[in-house]
Every structure is written in structure tokens, then in C-alpha cells.
Amino acid sequence: MPSNWVLAIAIDGQGNKWIGTDWGGLVKFDGLNWTVYNTSNSSLPSDTIFAIAIDSKGSRWIGTSRGLAKFDRVNWTVYNTSNSGLPSNYVYAIAMDG
């Protein structure tokens, strides 16, 4: 774990644990291996992760201190105040609507 400060946790359909940390980025734990995604090795806009949600297609939505990131297991898309209707770049919570 890159940080002891855990701010969010989500579990995907394969049982992987996704952990959002303060200053450490996003961590995936598959039961054996730890994978860290941060601003130096992914398109995450920030290493402070406030919220994580997983939609019905398996995309991970990550709320950060610099916008909202979507990770579809291949590509990253970042939404912020300059390219979307977000009123703030601080995304503290995410809810999915079926």
C-alpha cells in the first residue's frame, strides 16, 4: 500500500478490491498481487482518491481532488471543470443509477 490513509473501497465483479488512498493513488488487490495506479503511471488526475464506484459494464469511476476519472480496464477518461459540466474538480462521492 502506498499510503496508510484509505478513503474509499470498492469490489468489482471479479472480486478485486479497489482502494483509494490519500496521496498514494488507486490500488487494486486481486488476493495475491497489489497494483498501484497513480499520476506517474496512469491518467489519474490526482493521487488523492475520495470515491470509487463500479458501473454495470465494469468501468471504474474514481473521484479525485482534480476531477473524475473513468477506467474501463483499458482506457482512462478524465472529466473536470474545463471539459465537462462538473461544478468542481473535487469529487467526494459517486453513485450509480441503474
Protein backbone atom coordinates (compact mmCIF):
# COMPACT_ATOMS: atom_id res chain seq x y z
CA MET A 1 0.00 0.00 0.00
CA PRO A 2 1.43 3.38 -0.95
CA SER A 3 -0.43 5.13 1.89
CA ASN A 4 -1.99 4.18 5.23
CA TRP A 5 -4.83 6.64 4.64
CA VAL A 6 -7.68 4.73 2.97
CA LEU A 7 -10.51 6.97 1.78
CA ALA A 8 -12.55 4.57 -0.42
CA ILE A 9 -13.00 0.87 -1.17
CA ALA A 10 -14.97 -0.93 -3.91
CA ILE A 11 -15.09 -4.57 -5.02
CA ASP A 12 -15.56 -5.44 -8.68
CA GLY A 13 -17.32 -8.43 -10.25
CA GLN A 14 -14.12 -10.49 -10.23
CA GLY A 15 -13.58 -9.94 -6.51
CA ASN A 16 -10.75 -7.44 -6.93
CA LYS A 17 -10.53 -4.85 -4.19
CA TRP A 18 -10.07 -1.26 -5.37
CA ILE A 19 -8.69 1.01 -2.67
CA GLY A 20 -8.49 4.78 -2.85
CA THR A 21 -5.79 6.40 -0.75
CA ASP A 22 -4.79 9.88 0.28
CA TRP A 23 -1.61 10.87 -1.62
CA GLY A 24 -0.97 7.26 -2.71
CA GLY A 25 -3.31 6.83 -5.66
CA LEU A 26 -5.59 3.92 -6.54
CA VAL A 27 -4.66 0.37 -5.51
CA LYS A 28 -6.02 -2.91 -6.91
CA PHE A 29 -5.65 -6.05 -4.81
CA ASP A 30 -6.61 -9.33 -6.53
CA GLY A 31 -5.99 -11.52 -3.47
CA LEU A 32 -2.32 -12.08 -4.32
CA ASN A 33 -0.97 -9.05 -6.15
CA TRP A 34 -1.06 -5.33 -5.45
CA THR A 35 -1.18 -2.91 -8.39
CA VAL A 36 -0.82 0.81 -7.80
CA TYR A 37 -2.20 3.38 -10.25
CA ASN A 38 -1.06 6.95 -9.70
CA THR A 39 -0.32 10.13 -11.62
CA SER A 40 3.08 8.82 -12.74
CA ASN A 41 1.85 5.56 -14.35
CA SER A 42 -1.77 6.25 -15.37
CA SER A 43 -4.05 9.09 -16.41
CA LEU A 44 -5.34 9.65 -12.88
CA PRO A 45 -5.56 13.42 -12.41
CA SER A 46 -4.61 13.20 -8.70
CA ASP A 47 -3.18 10.75 -6.19
CA THR A 48 -5.88 11.66 -3.66
CA ILE A 49 -8.82 9.28 -4.24
CA PHE A 50 -12.04 10.20 -2.42
CA ALA A 51 -14.53 7.79 -4.03
CA ILE A 52 -14.71 4.67 -6.20
CA ALA A 53 -17.74 3.17 -7.95
CA ILE A 54 -18.01 0.36 -10.48
CA ASP A 55 -20.75 0.50 -13.10
CA SER A 56 -22.67 -2.39 -14.70
CA LYS A 57 -20.14 -2.60 -17.56
CA GLY A 58 -17.24 -2.94 -15.12
CA SER A 59 -15.82 0.54 -15.60
CA ARG A 60 -14.26 2.05 -12.54
CA TRP A 61 -15.23 5.64 -11.70
CA ILE A 62 -12.75 7.38 -9.46
CA GLY A 63 -13.45 10.65 -7.66
CA THR A 64 -10.30 12.68 -7.01
CA SER A 65 -9.22 16.12 -5.87
CA ARG A 66 -8.70 17.10 -9.52
CA GLY A 67 -11.71 15.64 -11.27
CA LEU A 68 -13.50 12.40 -12.07
CA ALA A 69 -11.65 9.57 -13.83
CA LYS A 70 -13.18 6.60 -15.65
CA PHE A 71 -11.09 3.46 -16.18
CA ASP A 72 -12.66 0.85 -18.48
CA ARG A 73 -9.79 -1.63 -17.87
CA VAL A 74 -8.02 -0.33 -20.99
CA ASN A 75 -8.51 3.42 -21.34
CA TRP A 76 -8.66 6.33 -18.91
CA THR A 77 -11.01 9.28 -19.39
CA VAL A 78 -10.82 12.31 -17.13
CA TYR A 79 -13.69 14.74 -16.55
CA ASN A 80 -13.12 18.09 -14.88
CA THR A 81 -14.48 21.64 -14.82
CA SER A 82 -12.78 22.50 -18.11
CA ASN A 83 -14.17 19.62 -20.23
CA SER A 84 -17.48 18.68 -18.59
CA GLY A 85 -20.36 20.06 -16.57
CA LEU A 86 -18.71 19.29 -13.23
CA PRO A 87 -19.12 22.30 -10.93
CA SER A 88 -15.93 21.45 -9.01
CA ASN A 89 -12.87 19.29 -9.52
CA TYR A 90 -13.28 17.84 -6.02
CA VAL A 91 -15.37 14.65 -6.39
CA TYR A 92 -16.11 13.28 -2.93
CA ALA A 93 -18.86 10.76 -3.74
CA ILE A 94 -20.15 8.73 -6.69
CA ALA A 95 -23.47 6.93 -7.06
CA MET A 96 -24.56 4.67 -9.92
CA ASP A 97 -28.08 4.78 -11.34
CA GLY A 98 -29.30 1.58 -12.97
